[in-house]
């Protein structure tokens, strides 16, 4: 069962957070929705404390609202995200991200830079009894952890199911 979640728009530190929250006693998957439908993530098998750091889960608001895992929601300015995406040769954010989508999620809302500057409240909110490791955090802050987009393995069945659900939501939400 998912025991903690980090949620944010693309280019908001979720890959770094997945690294940070993966320790000897915890496993945090980055963007698992490319491989697994959110409805089956709670059946993921591990002996460690299990979490996700995900840019896609925010699009499935009903699932997030009903899930009991503590959540941290990372915020970053749209212009900064678009600039970061452009540096990678990617298009700007989809319009859905500009609708205040992240603000509708219950959890601890923080600016994404707090992962680096004020990590302890974030850690305590998600990891609770696991002690914060300041030395490890300092070492990770020196790393530029990013998604290697060319290496993403996509489960086509899971992706098609997710995109189908998103299309249905768009149709129901249209004026």
N, C-alpha and C. Protein backbone atom coordinates (compact mmCIF):
# COMPACT_ATOMS: atom_id res chain seq x y z
N UNK A 1 0.84 -1.18 0.00
CA UNK A 1 0.00 0.00 0.00
C UNK A 1 0.88 1.24 0.00
N UNK A 2 0.47 2.24 -0.76
CA UNK A 2 1.21 3.50 -0.79
C UNK A 2 1.08 4.15 0.59
N UNK A 3 2.24 4.48 1.18
CA UNK A 3 2.26 5.07 2.52
C UNK A 3 2.57 6.55 2.53
N UNK A 4 3.04 7.10 1.39
CA UNK A 4 3.28 8.53 1.28
C UNK A 4 3.33 8.92 -0.19
N UNK A 5 3.01 10.20 -0.46
CA UNK A 5 3.00 10.70 -1.83
C UNK A 5 3.61 12.09 -1.91
N UNK A 6 4.39 12.31 -2.96
CA UNK A 6 4.88 13.63 -3.33
C UNK A 6 4.27 13.91 -4.70
N UNK A 7 3.56 15.02 -4.81
CA UNK A 7 2.82 15.33 -6.02
C UNK A 7 3.24 16.70 -6.51
N UNK A 8 3.48 16.83 -7.81
CA UNK A 8 3.84 18.12 -8.38
C UNK A 8 3.70 18.10 -9.88
N UNK A 9 3.75 19.28 -10.46
CA UNK A 9 3.75 19.42 -11.92
C UNK A 9 5.09 18.93 -12.44
N UNK A 10 5.19 18.69 -13.74
CA UNK A 10 6.49 18.34 -14.31
C UNK A 10 7.54 19.41 -13.98
N UNK A 11 8.78 18.99 -13.84
CA UNK A 11 9.92 19.88 -13.59
C UNK A 11 9.81 20.60 -12.25
N UNK A 12 9.23 19.91 -11.25
CA UNK A 12 9.05 20.50 -9.92
C UNK A 12 9.74 19.71 -8.82
N UNK A 13 10.74 18.91 -9.18
CA UNK A 13 11.53 18.23 -8.17
C UNK A 13 11.07 16.84 -7.79
N UNK A 14 10.14 16.24 -8.53
CA UNK A 14 9.65 14.92 -8.14
C UNK A 14 10.70 13.83 -8.34
N UNK A 15 11.53 13.94 -9.37
CA UNK A 15 12.59 12.93 -9.56
C UNK A 15 13.60 13.02 -8.40
N UNK A 16 13.96 14.22 -8.02
CA UNK A 16 14.87 14.40 -6.89
C UNK A 16 14.22 13.86 -5.62
N UNK A 17 12.93 14.17 -5.42
CA UNK A 17 12.22 13.71 -4.23
C UNK A 17 12.18 12.19 -4.17
N UNK A 18 11.98 11.52 -5.31
CA UNK A 18 11.98 10.05 -5.32
C UNK A 18 13.31 9.52 -4.82
N UNK A 19 14.40 10.16 -5.22
CA UNK A 19 15.73 9.77 -4.76
C UNK A 19 15.87 10.03 -3.26
N UNK A 20 15.45 11.19 -2.82
CA UNK A 20 15.54 11.59 -1.42
C UNK A 20 14.76 10.65 -0.51
N UNK A 21 13.56 10.25 -0.93
CA UNK A 21 12.71 9.42 -0.09
C UNK A 21 12.93 7.92 -0.29
N UNK A 22 13.90 7.55 -1.09
CA UNK A 22 14.31 6.16 -1.20
C UNK A 22 15.54 5.98 -0.30
N UNK A 23 15.39 5.15 0.72
CA UNK A 23 16.47 4.93 1.69
C UNK A 23 16.62 3.43 1.91
N UNK A 24 17.37 3.08 2.93
CA UNK A 24 17.50 1.66 3.25
C UNK A 24 16.19 1.07 3.78
N UNK A 25 15.25 1.92 4.23
CA UNK A 25 13.99 1.42 4.77
C UNK A 25 12.76 1.88 3.98
N UNK A 26 12.97 2.64 2.91
CA UNK A 26 11.83 3.14 2.13
C UNK A 26 12.14 3.07 0.64
N UNK A 27 11.07 2.99 -0.14
CA UNK A 27 11.17 2.97 -1.61
C UNK A 27 10.16 3.96 -2.15
N UNK A 28 10.63 4.92 -2.94
CA UNK A 28 9.77 5.92 -3.54
C UNK A 28 9.92 5.85 -5.06
N UNK A 29 8.86 5.45 -5.73
CA UNK A 29 8.89 5.35 -7.19
C UNK A 29 8.61 6.70 -7.83
N UNK A 30 9.38 7.02 -8.87
CA UNK A 30 9.15 8.26 -9.60
C UNK A 30 8.26 8.00 -10.81
N UNK A 31 7.21 8.78 -10.93
CA UNK A 31 6.25 8.70 -12.04
C UNK A 31 5.87 7.27 -12.40
N UNK A 32 5.33 6.53 -11.44
CA UNK A 32 4.99 5.13 -11.69
C UNK A 32 3.83 4.93 -12.66
N UNK A 33 3.10 6.00 -12.98
CA UNK A 33 1.94 5.84 -13.86
C UNK A 33 2.32 5.52 -15.30
N UNK A 34 3.59 5.67 -15.66
CA UNK A 34 4.04 5.22 -16.99
C UNK A 34 4.06 3.70 -17.06
N UNK A 35 4.11 3.06 -15.90
CA UNK A 35 4.18 1.60 -15.84
C UNK A 35 2.93 0.93 -15.29
N UNK A 36 2.25 1.61 -14.36
CA UNK A 36 1.19 0.99 -13.59
C UNK A 36 0.01 1.93 -13.44
N UNK A 37 -1.19 1.43 -13.59
CA UNK A 37 -2.38 2.24 -13.37
C UNK A 37 -2.47 2.57 -11.88
N UNK A 38 -2.89 3.78 -11.58
CA UNK A 38 -2.96 4.20 -10.17
C UNK A 38 -3.84 3.27 -9.33
N UNK A 39 -4.84 2.67 -9.94
CA UNK A 39 -5.73 1.78 -9.21
C UNK A 39 -5.07 0.50 -8.73
N UNK A 40 -3.90 0.18 -9.27
CA UNK A 40 -3.19 -1.03 -8.85
C UNK A 40 -1.91 -0.74 -8.06
N UNK A 41 -1.56 0.51 -7.89
CA UNK A 41 -0.32 0.85 -7.18
C UNK A 41 -0.31 0.37 -5.74
N UNK A 42 -1.46 0.34 -5.10
CA UNK A 42 -1.50 -0.11 -3.71
C UNK A 42 -1.15 -1.58 -3.56
N UNK A 43 -1.11 -2.31 -4.65
CA UNK A 43 -0.74 -3.73 -4.59
C UNK A 43 0.75 -3.96 -4.88
N UNK A 44 1.50 -2.88 -5.07
CA UNK A 44 2.94 -3.00 -5.31
C UNK A 44 3.58 -3.70 -4.12
N UNK A 45 4.43 -4.67 -4.41
CA UNK A 45 5.04 -5.48 -3.36
C UNK A 45 6.44 -5.00 -3.00
N UNK A 46 6.62 -4.64 -1.74
CA UNK A 46 7.93 -4.31 -1.19
C UNK A 46 7.85 -4.46 0.32
N UNK A 47 8.98 -4.77 0.94
CA UNK A 47 9.01 -4.86 2.40
C UNK A 47 9.33 -3.50 3.01
N UNK A 48 9.63 -2.53 2.16
CA UNK A 48 9.98 -1.20 2.64
C UNK A 48 8.74 -0.30 2.72
N UNK A 49 8.89 0.81 3.42
CA UNK A 49 7.85 1.85 3.42
C UNK A 49 7.75 2.34 1.98
N UNK A 50 6.55 2.33 1.41
CA UNK A 50 6.37 2.56 -0.03
C UNK A 50 5.71 3.90 -0.31
N UNK A 51 6.30 4.64 -1.25
CA UNK A 51 5.73 5.91 -1.65
C UNK A 51 5.93 6.18 -3.13
N UNK A 52 5.30 7.27 -3.58
CA UNK A 52 5.45 7.70 -4.96
C UNK A 52 5.77 9.19 -4.99
N UNK A 53 6.53 9.59 -5.98
CA UNK A 53 6.76 11.00 -6.31
C UNK A 53 6.32 11.12 -7.76
N UNK A 54 5.21 11.81 -7.99
CA UNK A 54 4.53 11.63 -9.26
C UNK A 54 3.99 12.94 -9.83
N UNK A 55 4.18 13.12 -11.12
CA UNK A 55 3.63 14.28 -11.80
C UNK A 55 2.26 14.00 -12.40
N UNK A 56 1.93 12.74 -12.63
CA UNK A 56 0.66 12.41 -13.26
C UNK A 56 -0.50 12.21 -12.31
N UNK A 57 -0.21 11.86 -11.07
CA UNK A 57 -1.30 11.52 -10.15
C UNK A 57 -2.22 12.69 -9.85
N UNK A 58 -1.74 13.92 -9.96
CA UNK A 58 -2.58 15.09 -9.69
C UNK A 58 -3.76 15.16 -10.64
N UNK A 59 -3.66 14.52 -11.78
CA UNK A 59 -4.74 14.55 -12.77
C UNK A 59 -5.91 13.66 -12.36
N UNK A 60 -5.72 12.81 -11.38
CA UNK A 60 -6.75 11.87 -10.95
C UNK A 60 -7.22 12.25 -9.55
N UNK A 61 -7.93 13.35 -9.49
CA UNK A 61 -8.28 14.00 -8.22
C UNK A 61 -9.17 13.14 -7.33
N UNK A 62 -10.09 12.39 -7.90
CA UNK A 62 -10.96 11.54 -7.07
C UNK A 62 -10.14 10.48 -6.33
N UNK A 63 -9.22 9.86 -7.06
CA UNK A 63 -8.36 8.84 -6.45
C UNK A 63 -7.52 9.46 -5.34
N UNK A 64 -6.90 10.62 -5.62
CA UNK A 64 -6.06 11.27 -4.61
C UNK A 64 -6.88 11.64 -3.38
N UNK A 65 -8.06 12.18 -3.60
CA UNK A 65 -8.88 12.62 -2.47
C UNK A 65 -9.28 11.44 -1.58
N UNK A 66 -9.45 10.28 -2.15
CA UNK A 66 -9.87 9.13 -1.35
C UNK A 66 -8.71 8.34 -0.76
N UNK A 67 -7.48 8.63 -1.21
CA UNK A 67 -6.34 7.84 -0.73
C UNK A 67 -5.86 8.38 0.62
N UNK A 68 -5.65 7.49 1.60
CA UNK A 68 -5.29 7.94 2.95
C UNK A 68 -3.83 8.34 3.16
N UNK A 69 -2.96 8.09 2.19
CA UNK A 69 -1.54 8.38 2.38
C UNK A 69 -1.32 9.88 2.59
N UNK A 70 -0.39 10.24 3.49
CA UNK A 70 -0.05 11.66 3.62
C UNK A 70 0.59 12.15 2.32
N UNK A 71 0.30 13.40 1.99
CA UNK A 71 0.74 13.96 0.71
C UNK A 71 1.49 15.26 0.91
N UNK A 72 2.55 15.44 0.12
CA UNK A 72 3.22 16.72 -0.01
C UNK A 72 3.00 17.17 -1.44
N UNK A 73 2.56 18.41 -1.60
CA UNK A 73 2.29 18.95 -2.93
C UNK A 73 3.33 20.03 -3.20
N UNK A 74 4.10 19.82 -4.26
CA UNK A 74 5.17 20.74 -4.63
C UNK A 74 4.65 21.77 -5.63
N UNK A 75 4.90 23.04 -5.36
CA UNK A 75 4.46 24.12 -6.24
C UNK A 75 5.67 24.79 -6.88
N UNK A 76 5.54 25.09 -8.15
CA UNK A 76 6.56 25.84 -8.88
C UNK A 76 5.84 26.75 -9.87
N UNK A 77 6.37 27.94 -10.09
CA UNK A 77 5.74 28.89 -10.99
C UNK A 77 5.71 28.34 -12.41
N UNK A 78 4.58 28.54 -13.08
CA UNK A 78 4.38 28.02 -14.44
C UNK A 78 5.46 28.50 -15.41
N UNK A 79 5.86 29.77 -15.30
CA UNK A 79 6.88 30.30 -16.21
C UNK A 79 8.21 29.57 -16.02
N UNK A 80 8.57 29.25 -14.78
CA UNK A 80 9.80 28.50 -14.52
C UNK A 80 9.71 27.09 -15.09
N UNK A 81 8.55 26.47 -14.93
CA UNK A 81 8.36 25.12 -15.47
C UNK A 81 8.49 25.15 -16.98
N UNK A 82 7.82 26.11 -17.63
CA UNK A 82 7.89 26.21 -19.09
C UNK A 82 9.32 26.43 -19.57
N UNK A 83 10.07 27.26 -18.84
CA UNK A 83 11.47 27.50 -19.19
C UNK A 83 12.30 26.22 -19.07
N UNK A 84 12.07 25.47 -18.01
CA UNK A 84 12.78 24.22 -17.81
C UNK A 84 12.41 23.19 -18.88
N UNK A 85 11.14 23.14 -19.23
CA UNK A 85 10.70 22.23 -20.30
C UNK A 85 11.34 22.62 -21.63
N UNK A 86 11.38 23.92 -21.92
CA UNK A 86 11.97 24.40 -23.17
C UNK A 86 13.45 24.04 -23.27
N UNK A 87 14.16 24.10 -22.14
CA UNK A 87 15.58 23.72 -22.13
C UNK A 87 15.77 22.27 -22.55
N UNK A 88 14.74 21.44 -22.33
CA UNK A 88 14.80 20.04 -22.72
C UNK A 88 14.22 19.80 -24.11
N UNK A 89 13.77 20.87 -24.76
CA UNK A 89 13.15 20.74 -26.07
C UNK A 89 11.72 20.24 -26.01
N UNK A 90 11.06 20.44 -24.86
CA UNK A 90 9.69 19.98 -24.68
C UNK A 90 8.72 21.15 -24.73
N UNK A 91 7.45 20.88 -25.07
CA UNK A 91 6.46 21.96 -25.13
C UNK A 91 6.11 22.47 -23.74
N UNK A 92 5.46 23.64 -23.67
CA UNK A 92 5.07 24.19 -22.37
C UNK A 92 4.03 23.32 -21.69
N UNK A 93 3.78 23.63 -20.42
CA UNK A 93 2.79 22.91 -19.63
C UNK A 93 1.45 22.84 -20.34
N UNK A 94 0.77 21.72 -20.18
CA UNK A 94 -0.59 21.59 -20.68
C UNK A 94 -1.49 22.54 -19.90
N UNK A 95 -2.53 23.05 -20.52
CA UNK A 95 -3.41 24.02 -19.84
C UNK A 95 -3.99 23.52 -18.51
N UNK A 96 -4.19 22.23 -18.34
CA UNK A 96 -4.77 21.71 -17.10
C UNK A 96 -3.95 22.11 -15.88
N UNK A 97 -2.62 22.24 -16.05
CA UNK A 97 -1.76 22.59 -14.91
C UNK A 97 -1.94 24.04 -14.50
N UNK A 98 -2.53 24.85 -15.36
CA UNK A 98 -2.70 26.27 -15.06
C UNK A 98 -4.06 26.56 -14.41
N UNK A 99 -4.79 25.53 -14.03
CA UNK A 99 -6.14 25.70 -13.48
C UNK A 99 -6.17 25.66 -11.95
N UNK A 100 -5.05 25.62 -11.31
CA UNK A 100 -5.03 25.50 -9.85
C UNK A 100 -5.24 24.07 -9.39
N UNK A 101 -4.95 23.14 -10.27
CA UNK A 101 -5.13 21.71 -10.00
C UNK A 101 -4.49 21.28 -8.69
N UNK A 102 -3.24 21.69 -8.47
CA UNK A 102 -2.52 21.27 -7.26
C UNK A 102 -3.13 21.85 -6.00
N UNK A 103 -3.73 23.02 -6.10
CA UNK A 103 -4.32 23.65 -4.91
C UNK A 103 -5.52 22.89 -4.37
N UNK A 104 -6.10 22.03 -5.18
CA UNK A 104 -7.29 21.27 -4.76
C UNK A 104 -6.95 19.97 -4.03
N UNK A 105 -5.67 19.68 -3.88
CA UNK A 105 -5.25 18.45 -3.23
C UNK A 105 -5.00 18.72 -1.75
N UNK A 106 -5.56 17.87 -0.89
CA UNK A 106 -5.31 17.99 0.54
C UNK A 106 -3.92 17.44 0.87
N UNK A 107 -3.18 18.18 1.68
CA UNK A 107 -1.85 17.76 2.08
C UNK A 107 -1.01 18.95 2.47
N UNK A 108 0.26 18.72 2.63
CA UNK A 108 1.21 19.78 2.96
C UNK A 108 1.67 20.44 1.67
N UNK A 109 1.31 21.69 1.47
CA UNK A 109 1.68 22.43 0.26
C UNK A 109 2.96 23.22 0.52
N UNK A 110 3.96 23.02 -0.35
CA UNK A 110 5.24 23.71 -0.20
C UNK A 110 5.75 24.15 -1.56
N UNK A 111 6.59 25.17 -1.56
CA UNK A 111 7.30 25.55 -2.78
C UNK A 111 8.36 24.48 -3.03
N UNK A 112 8.58 24.12 -4.25
CA UNK A 112 9.48 23.01 -4.57
C UNK A 112 10.90 23.23 -4.04
N UNK A 113 11.34 24.47 -3.91
CA UNK A 113 12.69 24.74 -3.41
C UNK A 113 12.85 24.35 -1.94
N UNK A 114 11.73 24.18 -1.23
CA UNK A 114 11.81 23.77 0.18
C UNK A 114 12.34 22.35 0.31
N UNK A 115 12.28 21.56 -0.75
CA UNK A 115 12.92 20.24 -0.73
C UNK A 115 14.40 20.38 -0.38
N UNK A 116 14.99 21.48 -0.82
CA UNK A 116 16.42 21.70 -0.64
C UNK A 116 16.71 22.61 0.56
N UNK A 117 15.88 23.64 0.76
CA UNK A 117 16.16 24.64 1.79
C UNK A 117 15.53 24.33 3.15
N UNK A 118 14.35 23.70 3.17
CA UNK A 118 13.63 23.41 4.42
C UNK A 118 13.04 22.01 4.36
N UNK A 119 13.88 21.00 4.27
CA UNK A 119 13.38 19.64 4.03
C UNK A 119 12.77 18.94 5.24
N UNK A 120 13.16 19.34 6.44
CA UNK A 120 12.75 18.56 7.62
C UNK A 120 11.23 18.51 7.83
N UNK A 121 10.49 19.61 7.68
CA UNK A 121 9.03 19.50 7.83
C UNK A 121 8.40 18.58 6.77
N UNK A 122 8.94 18.59 5.58
CA UNK A 122 8.46 17.71 4.50
C UNK A 122 8.74 16.26 4.88
N UNK A 123 9.97 16.00 5.32
CA UNK A 123 10.36 14.65 5.73
C UNK A 123 9.46 14.14 6.85
N UNK A 124 9.29 14.96 7.88
CA UNK A 124 8.47 14.54 9.04
C UNK A 124 7.03 14.26 8.63
N UNK A 125 6.50 15.06 7.72
CA UNK A 125 5.11 14.88 7.28
C UNK A 125 4.92 13.53 6.60
N UNK A 126 5.92 13.11 5.83
CA UNK A 126 5.78 11.87 5.06
C UNK A 126 6.38 10.64 5.75
N UNK A 127 7.50 10.80 6.39
CA UNK A 127 8.26 9.65 6.88
C UNK A 127 8.05 9.38 8.37
N UNK A 128 7.49 10.32 9.07
CA UNK A 128 7.12 10.22 10.47
C UNK A 128 8.21 9.65 11.36
N UNK A 129 8.22 8.35 11.61
CA UNK A 129 9.14 7.77 12.60
C UNK A 129 10.57 7.57 12.06
N UNK A 130 10.77 7.68 10.77
CA UNK A 130 12.12 7.50 10.21
C UNK A 130 12.89 8.79 10.40
N UNK A 131 14.04 8.74 11.07
CA UNK A 131 14.80 9.97 11.34
C UNK A 131 15.30 10.65 10.06
N UNK A 132 15.29 11.97 10.08
CA UNK A 132 15.83 12.76 8.99
C UNK A 132 17.35 12.64 8.98
N UNK A 133 17.94 12.42 7.82
CA UNK A 133 19.38 12.26 7.69
C UNK A 133 19.96 13.51 7.00
N UNK A 134 20.43 14.44 7.81
CA UNK A 134 20.94 15.72 7.31
C UNK A 134 22.14 15.53 6.38
N UNK A 135 23.05 14.60 6.72
CA UNK A 135 24.23 14.36 5.87
C UNK A 135 23.82 13.86 4.48
N UNK A 136 22.90 12.92 4.43
CA UNK A 136 22.44 12.40 3.15
C UNK A 136 21.76 13.50 2.34
N UNK A 137 20.93 14.30 3.01
CA UNK A 137 20.26 15.40 2.32
C UNK A 137 21.28 16.35 1.72
N UNK A 138 22.30 16.69 2.47
CA UNK A 138 23.34 17.60 1.97
C UNK A 138 24.05 17.03 0.75
N UNK A 139 24.36 15.75 0.79
CA UNK A 139 25.00 15.11 -0.36
C UNK A 139 24.09 15.12 -1.58
N UNK A 140 22.80 14.82 -1.38
CA UNK A 140 21.87 14.81 -2.51
C UNK A 140 21.65 16.20 -3.09
N UNK A 141 21.73 17.22 -2.26
CA UNK A 141 21.54 18.59 -2.76
C UNK A 141 22.60 18.98 -3.79
N UNK A 142 23.73 18.32 -3.77
CA UNK A 142 24.79 18.60 -4.73
C UNK A 142 24.56 17.89 -6.07
N UNK A 143 23.52 17.05 -6.13
CA UNK A 143 23.25 16.29 -7.36
C UNK A 143 22.15 16.92 -8.18
N UNK A 144 22.27 16.79 -9.48
CA UNK A 144 21.25 17.24 -10.41
C UNK A 144 20.47 16.00 -10.87
N UNK A 145 19.45 15.63 -10.12
CA UNK A 145 18.68 14.43 -10.41
C UNK A 145 17.51 14.81 -11.31
N UNK A 146 17.45 14.20 -12.48
CA UNK A 146 16.38 14.48 -13.43
C UNK A 146 15.97 13.19 -14.12
N UNK A 147 14.79 13.23 -14.68
CA UNK A 147 14.30 12.11 -15.46
C UNK A 147 15.10 12.02 -16.76
N UNK A 148 15.51 10.80 -17.11
CA UNK A 148 16.14 10.54 -18.41
C UNK A 148 15.01 10.13 -19.35
N UNK A 149 14.40 11.10 -20.02
CA UNK A 149 13.20 10.86 -20.81
C UNK A 149 13.39 9.78 -21.86
N UNK A 150 14.58 9.70 -22.41
CA UNK A 150 14.83 8.69 -23.46
C UNK A 150 14.86 7.27 -22.90
N UNK A 151 14.91 7.15 -21.58
CA UNK A 151 14.97 5.82 -20.96
C UNK A 151 13.66 5.38 -20.32
N UNK A 152 12.63 6.19 -20.45
CA UNK A 152 11.34 5.84 -19.84
C UNK A 152 10.77 4.62 -20.55
N UNK A 153 10.47 3.61 -19.79
CA UNK A 153 9.80 2.42 -20.32
C UNK A 153 8.31 2.59 -20.05
N UNK A 154 7.53 2.64 -21.11
CA UNK A 154 6.10 2.88 -20.98
C UNK A 154 5.34 1.58 -21.16
N UNK A 155 4.47 1.30 -20.22
CA UNK A 155 3.54 0.18 -20.33
C UNK A 155 2.36 0.71 -21.14
N UNK A 156 2.28 0.32 -22.39
CA UNK A 156 1.26 0.87 -23.29
C UNK A 156 -0.16 0.65 -22.79
N UNK A 157 -0.44 -0.50 -22.21
CA UNK A 157 -1.79 -0.77 -21.71
C UNK A 157 -2.16 0.19 -20.58
N UNK A 158 -1.23 0.37 -19.64
CA UNK A 158 -1.49 1.28 -18.52
C UNK A 158 -1.65 2.71 -19.03
N UNK A 159 -0.78 3.14 -19.95
CA UNK A 159 -0.85 4.50 -20.48
C UNK A 159 -2.14 4.73 -21.26
N UNK A 160 -2.53 3.78 -22.07
CA UNK A 160 -3.78 3.93 -22.84
C UNK A 160 -4.98 4.03 -21.90
N UNK A 161 -4.99 3.23 -20.85
CA UNK A 161 -6.08 3.28 -19.88
C UNK A 161 -6.14 4.65 -19.21
N UNK A 162 -4.97 5.18 -18.79
CA UNK A 162 -4.93 6.49 -18.15
C UNK A 162 -5.38 7.59 -19.10
N UNK A 163 -4.87 7.59 -20.33
CA UNK A 163 -5.25 8.63 -21.29
C UNK A 163 -6.73 8.54 -21.64
N UNK A 164 -7.27 7.33 -21.68
CA UNK A 164 -8.70 7.16 -21.90
C UNK A 164 -9.51 7.78 -20.78
N UNK A 165 -9.08 7.58 -19.55
CA UNK A 165 -9.77 8.18 -18.41
C UNK A 165 -9.68 9.70 -18.45
N UNK A 166 -8.51 10.21 -18.80
CA UNK A 166 -8.35 11.67 -18.90
C UNK A 166 -9.25 12.25 -19.98
N UNK A 167 -9.39 11.55 -21.10
CA UNK A 167 -10.26 12.02 -22.18
C UNK A 167 -11.71 12.07 -21.72
N UNK A 168 -12.13 11.08 -20.94
CA UNK A 168 -13.50 11.07 -20.42
C UNK A 168 -13.73 12.23 -19.45
N UNK A 169 -12.74 12.53 -18.61
CA UNK A 169 -12.85 13.65 -17.69
C UNK A 169 -12.97 14.95 -18.48
N UNK A 170 -12.17 15.09 -19.53
CA UNK A 170 -12.21 16.31 -20.35
C UNK A 170 -13.58 16.49 -20.99
N UNK A 171 -14.17 15.42 -21.47
CA UNK A 171 -15.48 15.49 -22.09
C UNK A 171 -16.53 15.92 -21.06
N UNK A 172 -16.48 15.31 -19.86
CA UNK A 172 -17.45 15.66 -18.80
C UNK A 172 -17.26 17.09 -18.31
N UNK A 173 -16.03 17.60 -18.38
CA UNK A 173 -15.74 18.95 -17.87
C UNK A 173 -15.98 20.04 -18.90
N UNK A 174 -16.13 19.66 -20.16
CA UNK A 174 -16.30 20.65 -21.22
C UNK A 174 -17.63 21.39 -21.06
N UNK A 175 -17.64 22.70 -21.38
CA UNK A 175 -18.89 23.49 -21.25
C UNK A 175 -19.94 23.08 -22.23
